[in-house]
Amino acid sequence: MNAEFFEALNMLGKERGLSPEYLVEKIKAAIVIAVKKDYEVEDDNVLVEIDPDAGKFTVNLVQDVVEEVENPRTQLSLEQAQAIRKTYQVGQRVVTPLKTKEFGRIAAQTAKHVIRQGIREAERSQLYSEMQSKAHEIVTAQVVRIDPEKGIVVLDMGKGEAVLPRSEQVPGEEFYEGQHVQVYVKDVLVTERGPRIIISRTSEQLVKRMFEMEVPEIFDGTVEIRAISREAGVRTKMAVWSKDENVDPVGACIGAHGARVNQIVEQLHGEKIDVVRWSEDITEFIGAALSPAKVLKVEILEGERKACRVTVPDHQLSLAIGNKGQNARLCARLTGYNIDIRPESGYYGEDTED
């Protein structure tokens, strides 16, 4: 029985990816509960020893030697104890080996339930630890199910599944079963049903992490991403700064002939990306952030709110505002300033196409 028990223990550990030590502790706890229930004793009266290396498995009932027995299940009189061994004295403990089969059906079921519960807890804990290590990272997952009615996409994350809700999907993006998709892991939460993985395709952090992986100067800390704003599927603006004056932060992100930024644009299915230079001078930063439009002047307005007035050439007005105001919105989110864009002539034209 012991050989079969330890063989099953090893197989279970390998199959579920659990350490033998963890399983042994859970099984010990289960057997203690089973013995307590069957013999009506306390934890202190049960001694379980499991040694996988030696292949030993013993269960013992421990009773105290007392002058006057108050609980015959947990205590023995000196006379009873000395009938077992003459050297026993009051205050000592008698250890009586038990046979597993003596636990009875109820005890066995109790042990099985606790072991099963323990394994589930271990699997959840292990899965949570694994997924927690991927929090705030990009993970390549596979589409396993699509629910058109709810608008959700279920992805296989490797050791668990995650739901990509409609709100975290890029507008117009289509999915199919078996497709491999890059997602950003926003968070991993603990729930009664196990870890819940919060993922996104629309997060600006997805683009940020893509640049961190694509651009060595960002990875080694020479170039820093100071701010980023995004309208998923359409346009992203990213402000970068370099610790080394000899390293051009914008050029490092764009790459030779646009190779680096184009690689990311391709992964984002054509989403436009503006990389601009961050500056401590807020007027310079706002001027750069309105790229690709040329800015003539930036005036910081007085008041509690962060606000400014930007002047651009008449022919650049629609470019500065962007299609449906998109360029101005992204610039405002990037810099933290409300931006009033005006043409050089002071006259607002009606043409606002990008």
Foldseek 3Di string as FASTA:
>chain_A
DLVVVLVVLVVVCVVLVHDSVLLVVLLQVLLLVLCCVQLVDDSVQWDWDQDSVVSDTWIKGKAAEACDDPDPSRYDHLVVVVVVPVPDDHGDIDIGTDDPPVSDDVSVVSSVVSSVVSSQVVSLVVVLVVVQVQALHKAKWFFADADVVQGWTWTDRPSDIAIEGNVQDFPPDDDDGGDIAIWHFNHWDQDPNGIYTDIHPFDQSSVVNLLCVLFVCVVVPQKDFPFKDDRQLAEIETEMEGPDPVDDNQCRCQDDVRVNVVVSCVSSVNHYYHYFYDDPPLFVRLQRLLPPFHWDGWAFDDDPAGEIETEGAQVRQLSSCEDVSVSQVRSCRGSVYNYHYAYPVRDDDPDNYD
